[in-house]
């Protein structure tokens, strides 16, 4: 079923080209906060 888009649910466009070396970027998720540590309960970036 389709998502209801809003301020908290939005699509992101795909990159047209690979960013150059040194370009700033962000990555987000709920993964572990360190090697062999627990998953995060809240979203991290």
ModelCIF file with pLDDT and N, C-alpha, C, O atoms, coordinates in Angstrom:
data_MODEL
#
_entry.id   MODEL 
#
_entity.id                         1 
_entity.type                       polymer 
_entity.pdbx_number_of_molecules   1 
#
_entity_poly.entity_id                      1 
_entity_poly.type                           'polypeptide(L)' 
_entity_poly.nstd_linkage                   no 
_entity_poly.nstd_monomer                   no 
_entity_poly.pdbx_seq_one_letter_code       
;(UNK)(UNK)(UNK)(UNK)(UNK)(UNK)(UNK)(UNK)(UNK)(UNK)(UNK)(UNK)(UNK)(UNK)(UNK)(UNK)
(UNK)(UNK)(UNK)(UNK)(UNK)(UNK)(UNK)(UNK)(UNK)(UNK)(UNK)(UNK)(UNK)(UNK)(UNK)(UNK)
(UNK)(UNK)(UNK)(UNK)(UNK)(UNK)(UNK)(UNK)(UNK)(UNK)(UNK)(UNK)(UNK)
;
_entity_poly.pdbx_seq_one_letter_code_can   XXXXXXXXXXXXXXXXXXXXXXXXXXXXXXXXXXXXXXXXXXXXX 
_entity_poly.pdbx_strand_id                 A 
#
loop_
_entity_poly_seq.entity_id 
_entity_poly_seq.num 
_entity_poly_seq.mon_id 
_entity_poly_seq.hetero 
1 1  UNK n 
1 2  UNK n 
1 3  UNK n 
1 4  UNK n 
1 5  UNK n 
1 6  UNK n 
1 7  UNK n 
1 8  UNK n 
1 9  UNK n 
1 10 UNK n 
1 11 UNK n 
1 12 UNK n 
1 13 UNK n 
1 14 UNK n 
1 15 UNK n 
1 16 UNK n 
1 17 UNK n 
1 18 UNK n 
1 19 UNK n 
1 20 UNK n 
1 21 UNK n 
1 22 UNK n 
1 23 UNK n 
1 24 UNK n 
1 25 UNK n 
1 26 UNK n 
1 27 UNK n 
1 28 UNK n 
1 29 UNK n 
1 30 UNK n 
1 31 UNK n 
1 32 UNK n 
1 33 UNK n 
1 34 UNK n 
1 35 UNK n 
1 36 UNK n 
1 37 UNK n 
1 38 UNK n 
1 39 UNK n 
1 40 UNK n 
1 41 UNK n 
1 42 UNK n 
1 43 UNK n 
1 44 UNK n 
1 45 UNK n 
#
_struct_asym.id          A 
_struct_asym.entity_id   1 
#
loop_
_ma_qa_metric.id 
_ma_qa_metric.mode 
_ma_qa_metric.name 
_ma_qa_metric.software_group_id 
_ma_qa_metric.type 
1 global pLDDT . pLDDT 
2 local  pLDDT . pLDDT 
#
_ma_qa_metric_global.metric_id      1 
_ma_qa_metric_global.metric_value   91.53 
_ma_qa_metric_global.model_id       1 
_ma_qa_metric_global.ordinal_id     1 
#
loop_
_ma_qa_metric_local.label_asym_id 
_ma_qa_metric_local.label_comp_id 
_ma_qa_metric_local.label_seq_id 
_ma_qa_metric_local.metric_id 
_ma_qa_metric_local.metric_value 
_ma_qa_metric_local.model_id 
_ma_qa_metric_local.ordinal_id 
A UNK 1  2 97.00 1 1  
A UNK 2  2 98.00 1 2  
A UNK 3  2 98.00 1 3  
A UNK 4  2 98.00 1 4  
A UNK 5  2 97.00 1 5  
A UNK 6  2 98.00 1 6  
A UNK 7  2 97.00 1 7  
A UNK 8  2 98.00 1 8  
A UNK 9  2 98.00 1 9  
A UNK 10 2 98.00 1 10 
A UNK 11 2 98.00 1 11 
A UNK 12 2 98.00 1 12 
A UNK 13 2 98.00 1 13 
A UNK 14 2 98.00 1 14 
A UNK 15 2 98.00 1 15 
A UNK 16 2 97.00 1 16 
A UNK 17 2 98.00 1 17 
A UNK 18 2 97.00 1 18 
A UNK 19 2 97.00 1 19 
A UNK 20 2 97.00 1 20 
A UNK 21 2 97.00 1 21 
A UNK 22 2 98.00 1 22 
A UNK 23 2 98.00 1 23 
A UNK 24 2 98.00 1 24 
A UNK 25 2 98.00 1 25 
A UNK 26 2 98.00 1 26 
A UNK 27 2 97.00 1 27 
A UNK 28 2 97.00 1 28 
A UNK 29 2 96.00 1 29 
A UNK 30 2 95.00 1 30 
A UNK 31 2 89.00 1 31 
A UNK 32 2 78.00 1 32 
A UNK 33 2 71.00 1 33 
A UNK 34 2 65.00 1 34 
A UNK 35 2 62.00 1 35 
A UNK 36 2 66.00 1 36 
A UNK 37 2 66.00 1 37 
A UNK 38 2 74.00 1 38 
A UNK 39 2 80.00 1 39 
A UNK 40 2 85.00 1 40 
A UNK 41 2 80.00 1 41 
A UNK 42 2 91.00 1 42 
A UNK 43 2 96.00 1 43 
A UNK 44 2 95.00 1 44 
A UNK 45 2 96.00 1 45 
#
loop_
_atom_site.group_PDB 
_atom_site.id 
_atom_site.type_symbol 
_atom_site.label_atom_id 
_atom_site.label_alt_id 
_atom_site.label_comp_id 
_atom_site.label_asym_id 
_atom_site.label_entity_id 
_atom_site.label_seq_id 
_atom_site.pdbx_PDB_ins_code 
_atom_site.Cartn_x 
_atom_site.Cartn_y 
_atom_site.Cartn_z 
_atom_site.occupancy 
_atom_site.B_iso_or_equiv 
_atom_site.pdbx_formal_charge 
_atom_site.auth_seq_id 
_atom_site.auth_comp_id 
_atom_site.auth_asym_id 
_atom_site.auth_atom_id 
_atom_site.pdbx_PDB_model_num 
ATOM 1   N N  . UNK A 1 1  ? 0.846  -1.196 0.000   1.00 97.00 ? 1  UNK A N  1 
ATOM 2   C CA . UNK A 1 1  ? 0.000  0.000  0.000   1.00 97.00 ? 1  UNK A CA 1 
ATOM 3   C C  . UNK A 1 1  ? 0.877  1.239  0.000   1.00 97.00 ? 1  UNK A C  1 
ATOM 4   O O  . UNK A 1 1  ? 2.029  1.194  0.433   1.00 97.00 ? 1  UNK A O  1 
ATOM 5   N N  . UNK A 1 2  ? 0.330  2.343  -0.486  1.00 98.00 ? 2  UNK A N  1 
ATOM 6   C CA . UNK A 1 2  ? 1.106  3.574  -0.622  1.00 98.00 ? 2  UNK A CA 1 
ATOM 7   C C  . UNK A 1 2  ? 1.314  4.251  0.731   1.00 98.00 ? 2  UNK A C  1 
ATOM 8   O O  . UNK A 1 2  ? 0.440  4.228  1.598   1.00 98.00 ? 2  UNK A O  1 
ATOM 9   N N  . UNK A 1 3  ? 2.480  4.848  0.886   1.00 98.00 ? 3  UNK A N  1 
ATOM 10  C CA . UNK A 1 3  ? 2.769  5.632  2.073   1.00 98.00 ? 3  UNK A CA 1 
ATOM 11  C C  . UNK A 1 3  ? 2.038  6.970  2.005   1.00 98.00 ? 3  UNK A C  1 
ATOM 12  O O  . UNK A 1 3  ? 1.826  7.518  0.923   1.00 98.00 ? 3  UNK A O  1 
ATOM 13  N N  . UNK A 1 4  ? 1.663  7.479  3.151   1.00 98.00 ? 4  UNK A N  1 
ATOM 14  C CA . UNK A 1 4  ? 1.095  8.829  3.242   1.00 98.00 ? 4  UNK A CA 1 
ATOM 15  C C  . UNK A 1 4  ? 2.252  9.795  3.448   1.00 98.00 ? 4  UNK A C  1 
ATOM 16  O O  . UNK A 1 4  ? 2.831  9.857  4.532   1.00 98.00 ? 4  UNK A O  1 
ATOM 17  N N  . UNK A 1 5  ? 2.585  10.547 2.411   1.00 97.00 ? 5  UNK A N  1 
ATOM 18  C CA . UNK A 1 5  ? 3.726  11.446 2.473   1.00 97.00 ? 5  UNK A CA 1 
ATOM 19  C C  . UNK A 1 5  ? 3.415  12.659 3.346   1.00 97.00 ? 5  UNK A C  1 
ATOM 20  O O  . UNK A 1 5  ? 2.286  13.149 3.371   1.00 97.00 ? 5  UNK A O  1 
ATOM 21  N N  . UNK A 1 6  ? 4.436  13.134 4.061   1.00 98.00 ? 6  UNK A N  1 
ATOM 22  C CA . UNK A 1 6  ? 4.269  14.241 5.000   1.00 98.00 ? 6  UNK A CA 1 
ATOM 23  C C  . UNK A 1 6  ? 5.648  14.812 5.316   1.00 98.00 ? 6  UNK A C  1 
ATOM 24  O O  . UNK A 1 6  ? 6.633  14.461 4.666   1.00 98.00 ? 6  UNK A O  1 
ATOM 25  N N  . UNK A 1 7  ? 5.716  15.696 6.320   1.00 97.00 ? 7  UNK A N  1 
ATOM 26  C CA . UNK A 1 7  ? 7.011  16.241 6.731   1.00 97.00 ? 7  UNK A CA 1 
ATOM 27  C C  . UNK A 1 7  ? 7.929  15.168 7.294   1.00 97.00 ? 7  UNK A C  1 
ATOM 28  O O  . UNK A 1 7  ? 9.149  15.329 7.279   1.00 97.00 ? 7  UNK A O  1 
ATOM 29  N N  . UNK A 1 8  ? 7.358  14.074 7.792   1.00 98.00 ? 8  UNK A N  1 
ATOM 30  C CA . UNK A 1 8  ? 8.161  13.004 8.389   1.00 98.00 ? 8  UNK A CA 1 
ATOM 31  C C  . UNK A 1 8  ? 8.276  11.772 7.490   1.00 98.00 ? 8  UNK A C  1 
ATOM 32  O O  . UNK A 1 8  ? 8.959  10.808 7.838   1.00 98.00 ? 8  UNK A O  1 
ATOM 33  N N  . UNK A 1 9  ? 7.612  11.804 6.341   1.00 98.00 ? 9  UNK A N  1 
ATOM 34  C CA . UNK A 1 9  ? 7.670  10.698 5.370   1.00 98.00 ? 9  UNK A CA 1 
ATOM 35  C C  . UNK A 1 9  ? 7.820  11.310 3.984   1.00 98.00 ? 9  UNK A C  1 
ATOM 36  O O  . UNK A 1 9  ? 6.865  11.845 3.421   1.00 98.00 ? 9  UNK A O  1 
ATOM 37  N N  . UNK A 1 10 ? 9.023  11.224 3.447   1.00 98.00 ? 10 UNK A N  1 
ATOM 38  C CA . UNK A 1 10 ? 9.282  11.890 2.172   1.00 98.00 ? 10 UNK A CA 1 
ATOM 39  C C  . UNK A 1 10 ? 10.298 11.103 1.362   1.00 98.00 ? 10 UNK A C  1 
ATOM 40  O O  . UNK A 1 10 ? 11.167 10.438 1.925   1.00 98.00 ? 10 UNK A O  1 
ATOM 41  N N  . UNK A 1 11 ? 10.192 11.177 0.056   1.00 98.00 ? 11 UNK A N  1 
ATOM 42  C CA . UNK A 1 11 ? 11.153 10.519 -0.822  1.00 98.00 ? 11 UNK A CA 1 
ATOM 43  C C  . UNK A 1 11 ? 12.420 11.357 -0.933  1.00 98.00 ? 11 UNK A C  1 
ATOM 44  O O  . UNK A 1 11 ? 12.429 12.538 -0.583  1.00 98.00 ? 11 UNK A O  1 
ATOM 45  N N  . UNK A 1 12 ? 13.478 10.742 -1.419  1.00 98.00 ? 12 UNK A N  1 
ATOM 46  C CA . UNK A 1 12 ? 14.725 11.458 -1.663  1.00 98.00 ? 12 UNK A CA 1 
ATOM 47  C C  . UNK A 1 12 ? 15.174 11.161 -3.086  1.00 98.00 ? 12 UNK A C  1 
ATOM 48  O O  . UNK A 1 12 ? 15.121 10.007 -3.512  1.00 98.00 ? 12 UNK A O  1 
ATOM 49  N N  . UNK A 1 13 ? 15.613 12.169 -3.834  1.00 98.00 ? 13 UNK A N  1 
ATOM 50  C CA . UNK A 1 13 ? 16.049 11.927 -5.212  1.00 98.00 ? 13 UNK A CA 1 
ATOM 51  C C  . UNK A 1 13 ? 17.364 11.157 -5.265  1.00 98.00 ? 13 UNK A C  1 
ATOM 52  O O  . UNK A 1 13 ? 18.195 11.252 -4.362  1.00 98.00 ? 13 UNK A O  1 
ATOM 53  N N  . UNK A 1 14 ? 17.534 10.399 -6.334  1.00 98.00 ? 14 UNK A N  1 
ATOM 54  C CA . UNK A 1 14 ? 18.769 9.640  -6.536  1.00 98.00 ? 14 UNK A CA 1 
ATOM 55  C C  . UNK A 1 14 ? 19.849 10.551 -7.098  1.00 98.00 ? 14 UNK A C  1 
ATOM 56  O O  . UNK A 1 14 ? 19.569 11.452 -7.889  1.00 98.00 ? 14 UNK A O  1 
ATOM 57  N N  . UNK A 1 15 ? 21.076 10.308 -6.686  1.00 98.00 ? 15 UNK A N  1 
ATOM 58  C CA . UNK A 1 15 ? 22.210 11.083 -7.191  1.00 98.00 ? 15 UNK A CA 1 
ATOM 59  C C  . UNK A 1 15 ? 22.385 10.860 -8.685  1.00 98.00 ? 15 UNK A C  1 
ATOM 60  O O  . UNK A 1 15 ? 22.222 9.745  -9.180  1.00 98.00 ? 15 UNK A O  1 
ATOM 61  N N  . UNK A 1 16 ? 22.716 11.920 -9.391  1.00 97.00 ? 16 UNK A N  1 
ATOM 62  C CA . UNK A 1 16 ? 23.002 11.828 -10.823 1.00 97.00 ? 16 UNK A CA 1 
ATOM 63  C C  . UNK A 1 16 ? 24.444 11.402 -11.069 1.00 97.00 ? 16 UNK A C  1 
ATOM 64  O O  . UNK A 1 16 ? 24.745 10.763 -12.077 1.00 97.00 ? 16 UNK A O  1 
ATOM 65  N N  . UNK A 1 17 ? 25.334 11.760 -10.142 1.00 98.00 ? 17 UNK A N  1 
ATOM 66  C CA . UNK A 1 17 ? 26.746 11.411 -10.268 1.00 98.00 ? 17 UNK A CA 1 
ATOM 67  C C  . UNK A 1 17 ? 27.321 11.153 -8.891  1.00 98.00 ? 17 UNK A C  1 
ATOM 68  O O  . UNK A 1 17 ? 26.788 11.634 -7.891  1.00 98.00 ? 17 UNK A O  1 
ATOM 69  N N  . UNK A 1 18 ? 28.392 10.406 -8.834  1.00 97.00 ? 18 UNK A N  1 
ATOM 70  C CA . UNK A 1 18 ? 29.030 10.089 -7.556  1.00 97.00 ? 18 UNK A CA 1 
ATOM 71  C C  . UNK A 1 18 ? 29.702 11.339 -7.002  1.00 97.00 ? 18 UNK A C  1 
ATOM 72  O O  . UNK A 1 18 ? 30.365 12.054 -7.753  1.00 97.00 ? 18 UNK A O  1 
ATOM 73  N N  . UNK A 1 19 ? 29.551 11.624 -5.711  1.00 97.00 ? 19 UNK A N  1 
ATOM 74  C CA . UNK A 1 19 ? 30.188 12.812 -5.139  1.00 97.00 ? 19 UNK A CA 1 
ATOM 75  C C  . UNK A 1 19 ? 31.706 12.697 -5.154  1.00 97.00 ? 19 UNK A C  1 
ATOM 76  O O  . UNK A 1 19 ? 32.262 11.601 -5.097  1.00 97.00 ? 19 UNK A O  1 
ATOM 77  N N  . UNK A 1 20 ? 32.360 13.842 -5.232  1.00 97.00 ? 20 UNK A N  1 
ATOM 78  C CA . UNK A 1 20 ? 33.816 13.869 -5.270  1.00 97.00 ? 20 UNK A CA 1 
ATOM 79  C C  . UNK A 1 20 ? 34.403 13.494 -3.916  1.00 97.00 ? 20 UNK A C  1 
ATOM 80  O O  . UNK A 1 20 ? 33.748 13.634 -2.882  1.00 97.00 ? 20 UNK A O  1 
ATOM 81  N N  . UNK A 1 21 ? 35.630 13.020 -3.933  1.00 97.00 ? 21 UNK A N  1 
ATOM 82  C CA . UNK A 1 21 ? 36.341 12.720 -2.701  1.00 97.00 ? 21 UNK A CA 1 
ATOM 83  C C  . UNK A 1 21 ? 36.385 13.965 -1.817  1.00 97.00 ? 21 UNK A C  1 
ATOM 84  O O  . UNK A 1 21 ? 36.673 15.063 -2.295  1.00 97.00 ? 21 UNK A O  1 
ATOM 85  N N  . UNK A 1 22 ? 36.103 13.791 -0.544  1.00 98.00 ? 22 UNK A N  1 
ATOM 86  C CA . UNK A 1 22 ? 36.087 14.902 0.392   1.00 98.00 ? 22 UNK A CA 1 
ATOM 87  C C  . UNK A 1 22 ? 34.741 15.550 0.586   1.00 98.00 ? 22 UNK A C  1 
ATOM 88  O O  . UNK A 1 22 ? 34.571 16.368 1.491   1.00 98.00 ? 22 UNK A O  1 
ATOM 89  N N  . UNK A 1 23 ? 33.771 15.197 -0.256  1.00 98.00 ? 23 UNK A N  1 
ATOM 90  C CA . UNK A 1 23 ? 32.428 15.771 -0.127  1.00 98.00 ? 23 UNK A CA 1 
ATOM 91  C C  . UNK A 1 23 ? 31.794 15.347 1.201   1.00 98.00 ? 23 UNK A C  1 
ATOM 92  O O  . UNK A 1 23 ? 31.926 14.191 1.602   1.00 98.00 ? 23 UNK A O  1 
ATOM 93  N N  . UNK A 1 24 ? 31.105 16.273 1.891   1.00 98.00 ? 24 UNK A N  1 
ATOM 94  C CA . UNK A 1 24 ? 30.438 15.905 3.142   1.00 98.00 ? 24 UNK A CA 1 
ATOM 95  C C  . UNK A 1 24 ? 29.188 15.076 2.862   1.00 98.00 ? 24 UNK A C  1 
ATOM 96  O O  . UNK A 1 24 ? 28.522 15.266 1.844   1.00 98.00 ? 24 UNK A O  1 
ATOM 97  N N  . UNK A 1 25 ? 28.881 14.166 3.764   1.00 98.00 ? 25 UNK A N  1 
ATOM 98  C CA . UNK A 1 25 ? 27.705 13.308 3.631   1.00 98.00 ? 25 UNK A CA 1 
ATOM 99  C C  . UNK A 1 25 ? 27.214 12.942 5.021   1.00 98.00 ? 25 UNK A C  1 
ATOM 100 O O  . UNK A 1 25 ? 27.929 13.113 6.008   1.00 98.00 ? 25 UNK A O  1 
ATOM 101 N N  . UNK A 1 26 ? 25.995 12.439 5.091   1.00 98.00 ? 26 UNK A N  1 
ATOM 102 C CA . UNK A 1 26 ? 25.452 11.942 6.356   1.00 98.00 ? 26 UNK A CA 1 
ATOM 103 C C  . UNK A 1 26 ? 24.887 10.555 6.144   1.00 98.00 ? 26 UNK A C  1 
ATOM 104 O O  . UNK A 1 26 ? 24.402 10.231 5.060   1.00 98.00 ? 26 UNK A O  1 
ATOM 105 N N  . UNK A 1 27 ? 24.950 9.736  7.181   1.00 97.00 ? 27 UNK A N  1 
ATOM 106 C CA . UNK A 1 27 ? 24.356 8.404  7.155   1.00 97.00 ? 27 UNK A CA 1 
ATOM 107 C C  . UNK A 1 27 ? 23.552 8.243  8.436   1.00 97.00 ? 27 UNK A C  1 
ATOM 108 O O  . UNK A 1 27 ? 23.960 8.711  9.498   1.00 97.00 ? 27 UNK A O  1 
ATOM 109 N N  . UNK A 1 28 ? 22.417 7.582  8.329   1.00 97.00 ? 28 UNK A N  1 
ATOM 110 C CA . UNK A 1 28 ? 21.515 7.459  9.482   1.00 97.00 ? 28 UNK A CA 1 
ATOM 111 C C  . UNK A 1 28 ? 21.006 6.032  9.629   1.00 97.00 ? 28 UNK A C  1 
ATOM 112 O O  . UNK A 1 28 ? 21.016 5.249  8.680   1.00 97.00 ? 28 UNK A O  1 
ATOM 113 N N  . UNK A 1 29 ? 20.560 5.714  10.841  1.00 96.00 ? 29 UNK A N  1 
ATOM 114 C CA . UNK A 1 29 ? 20.014 4.386  11.077  1.00 96.00 ? 29 UNK A CA 1 
ATOM 115 C C  . UNK A 1 29 ? 19.892 4.067  12.550  1.00 96.00 ? 29 UNK A C  1 
ATOM 116 O O  . UNK A 1 29 ? 20.155 4.908  13.410  1.00 96.00 ? 29 UNK A O  1 
ATOM 117 N N  . UNK A 1 30 ? 19.490 2.837  12.828  1.00 95.00 ? 30 UNK A N  1 
ATOM 118 C CA . UNK A 1 30 ? 19.267 2.360  14.200  1.00 95.00 ? 30 UNK A CA 1 
ATOM 119 C C  . UNK A 1 30 ? 20.275 1.288  14.586  1.00 95.00 ? 30 UNK A C  1 
ATOM 120 O O  . UNK A 1 30 ? 20.009 0.484  15.479  1.00 95.00 ? 30 UNK A O  1 
ATOM 121 N N  . UNK A 1 31 ? 21.401 1.264  13.941  1.00 89.00 ? 31 UNK A N  1 
ATOM 122 C CA . UNK A 1 31 ? 22.368 0.209  14.197  1.00 89.00 ? 31 UNK A CA 1 
ATOM 123 C C  . UNK A 1 31 ? 23.104 0.385  15.513  1.00 89.00 ? 31 UNK A C  1 
ATOM 124 O O  . UNK A 1 31 ? 22.843 1.315  16.276  1.00 89.00 ? 31 UNK A O  1 
ATOM 125 N N  . UNK A 1 32 ? 24.041 -0.541 15.762  1.00 78.00 ? 32 UNK A N  1 
ATOM 126 C CA . UNK A 1 32 ? 24.804 -0.534 17.006  1.00 78.00 ? 32 UNK A CA 1 
ATOM 127 C C  . UNK A 1 32 ? 25.658 0.721  17.108  1.00 78.00 ? 32 UNK A C  1 
ATOM 128 O O  . UNK A 1 32 ? 26.081 1.281  16.097  1.00 78.00 ? 32 UNK A O  1 
ATOM 129 N N  . UNK A 1 33 ? 25.908 1.159  18.341  1.00 71.00 ? 33 UNK A N  1 
ATOM 130 C CA . UNK A 1 33 ? 26.692 2.375  18.568  1.00 71.00 ? 33 UNK A CA 1 
ATOM 131 C C  . UNK A 1 33 ? 28.178 2.076  18.668  1.00 71.00 ? 33 UNK A C  1 
ATOM 132 O O  . UNK A 1 33 ? 28.975 2.973  18.942  1.00 71.00 ? 33 UNK A O  1 
ATOM 133 N N  . UNK A 1 34 ? 28.556 0.825  18.448  1.00 65.00 ? 34 UNK A N  1 
ATOM 134 C CA . UNK A 1 34 ? 29.951 0.418  18.452  1.00 65.00 ? 34 UNK A CA 1 
ATOM 135 C C  . UNK A 1 34 ? 30.044 -1.063 18.144  1.00 65.00 ? 34 UNK A C  1 
ATOM 136 O O  . UNK A 1 34 ? 29.056 -1.792 18.229  1.00 65.00 ? 34 UNK A O  1 
ATOM 137 N N  . UNK A 1 35 ? 31.228 -1.494 17.791  1.00 62.00 ? 35 UNK A N  1 
ATOM 138 C CA . UNK A 1 35 ? 31.445 -2.890 17.430  1.00 62.00 ? 35 UNK A CA 1 
ATOM 139 C C  . UNK A 1 35 ? 31.052 -3.801 18.587  1.00 62.00 ? 35 UNK A C  1 
ATOM 140 O O  . UNK A 1 35 ? 31.542 -3.636 19.704  1.00 62.00 ? 35 UNK A O  1 
ATOM 141 N N  . UNK A 1 36 ? 30.153 -4.777 18.317  1.00 66.00 ? 36 UNK A N  1 
ATOM 142 C CA . UNK A 1 36 ? 29.649 -5.725 19.312  1.00 66.00 ? 36 UNK A CA 1 
ATOM 143 C C  . UNK A 1 36 ? 28.849 -5.035 20.419  1.00 66.00 ? 36 UNK A C  1 
ATOM 144 O O  . UNK A 1 36 ? 28.723 -5.582 21.515  1.00 66.00 ? 36 UNK A O  1 
ATOM 145 N N  . UNK A 1 37 ? 28.306 -3.844 20.150  1.00 66.00 ? 37 UNK A N  1 
ATOM 146 C CA . UNK A 1 37 ? 27.466 -3.163 21.127  1.00 66.00 ? 37 UNK A CA 1 
ATOM 147 C C  . UNK A 1 37 ? 26.003 -3.237 20.717  1.00 66.00 ? 37 UNK A C  1 
ATOM 148 O O  . UNK A 1 37 ? 25.672 -3.764 19.654  1.00 66.00 ? 37 UNK A O  1 
ATOM 149 N N  . UNK A 1 38 ? 25.133 -2.708 21.564  1.00 74.00 ? 38 UNK A N  1 
ATOM 150 C CA . UNK A 1 38 ? 23.696 -2.794 21.352  1.00 74.00 ? 38 UNK A CA 1 
ATOM 151 C C  . UNK A 1 38 ? 23.228 -1.877 20.225  1.00 74.00 ? 38 UNK A C  1 
ATOM 152 O O  . UNK A 1 38 ? 23.866 -0.871 19.915  1.00 74.00 ? 38 UNK A O  1 
ATOM 153 N N  . UNK A 1 39 ? 22.087 -2.251 19.615  1.00 80.00 ? 39 UNK A N  1 
ATOM 154 C CA . UNK A 1 39 ? 21.455 -1.369 18.648  1.00 80.00 ? 39 UNK A CA 1 
ATOM 155 C C  . UNK A 1 39 ? 20.920 -0.137 19.358  1.00 80.00 ? 39 UNK A C  1 
ATOM 156 O O  . UNK A 1 39 ? 20.602 -0.180 20.546  1.00 80.00 ? 39 UNK A O  1 
ATOM 157 N N  . UNK A 1 40 ? 20.823 0.962  18.619  1.00 85.00 ? 40 UNK A N  1 
ATOM 158 C CA . UNK A 1 40 ? 20.253 2.180  19.167  1.00 85.00 ? 40 UNK A CA 1 
ATOM 159 C C  . UNK A 1 40 ? 18.732 2.064  19.201  1.00 85.00 ? 40 UNK A C  1 
ATOM 160 O O  . UNK A 1 40 ? 18.136 1.517  18.274  1.00 85.00 ? 40 UNK A O  1 
ATOM 161 N N  . UNK A 1 41 ? 18.102 2.571  20.252  1.00 80.00 ? 41 UNK A N  1 
ATOM 162 C CA . UNK A 1 41 ? 16.641 2.550  20.350  1.00 80.00 ? 41 UNK A CA 1 
ATOM 163 C C  . UNK A 1 41 ? 16.010 3.689  19.554  1.00 80.00 ? 41 UNK A C  1 
ATOM 164 O O  . UNK A 1 41 ? 14.846 3.612  19.162  1.00 80.00 ? 41 UNK A O  1 
ATOM 165 N N  . UNK A 1 42 ? 16.794 4.754  19.317  1.00 91.00 ? 42 UNK A N  1 
ATOM 166 C CA . UNK A 1 42 ? 16.279 5.890  18.552  1.00 91.00 ? 42 UNK A CA 1 
ATOM 167 C C  . UNK A 1 42 ? 17.169 6.137  17.342  1.00 91.00 ? 42 UNK A C  1 
ATOM 168 O O  . UNK A 1 42 ? 18.311 5.679  17.291  1.00 91.00 ? 42 UNK A O  1 
ATOM 169 N N  . UNK A 1 43 ? 16.640 6.858  16.381  1.00 96.00 ? 43 UNK A N  1 
ATOM 170 C CA . UNK A 1 43 ? 17.338 7.107  15.128  1.00 96.00 ? 43 UNK A CA 1 
ATOM 171 C C  . UNK A 1 43 ? 18.570 7.966  15.354  1.00 96.00 ? 43 UNK A C  1 
ATOM 172 O O  . UNK A 1 43 ? 18.507 8.988  16.037  1.00 96.00 ? 43 UNK A O  1 
ATOM 173 N N  . UNK A 1 44 ? 19.692 7.547  14.777  1.00 95.00 ? 44 UNK A N  1 
ATOM 174 C CA . UNK A 1 44 ? 20.949 8.271  14.881  1.00 95.00 ? 44 UNK A CA 1 
ATOM 175 C C  . UNK A 1 44 ? 21.414 8.710  13.497  1.00 95.00 ? 44 UNK A C  1 
ATOM 176 O O  . UNK A 1 44 ? 21.088 8.089  12.485  1.00 95.00 ? 44 UNK A O  1 
ATOM 177 N N  . UNK A 1 45 ? 22.181 9.792  13.479  1.00 96.00 ? 45 UNK A N  1 
ATOM 178 C CA . UNK A 1 45 ? 22.773 10.295 12.241  1.00 96.00 ? 45 UNK A CA 1 
ATOM 179 C C  . UNK A 1 45 ? 24.224 10.667 12.531  1.00 96.00 ? 45 UNK A C  1 
ATOM 180 O O  . UNK A 1 45 ? 24.936 11.119 11.635  1.00 96.00 ? 45 UNK A O  1 
#
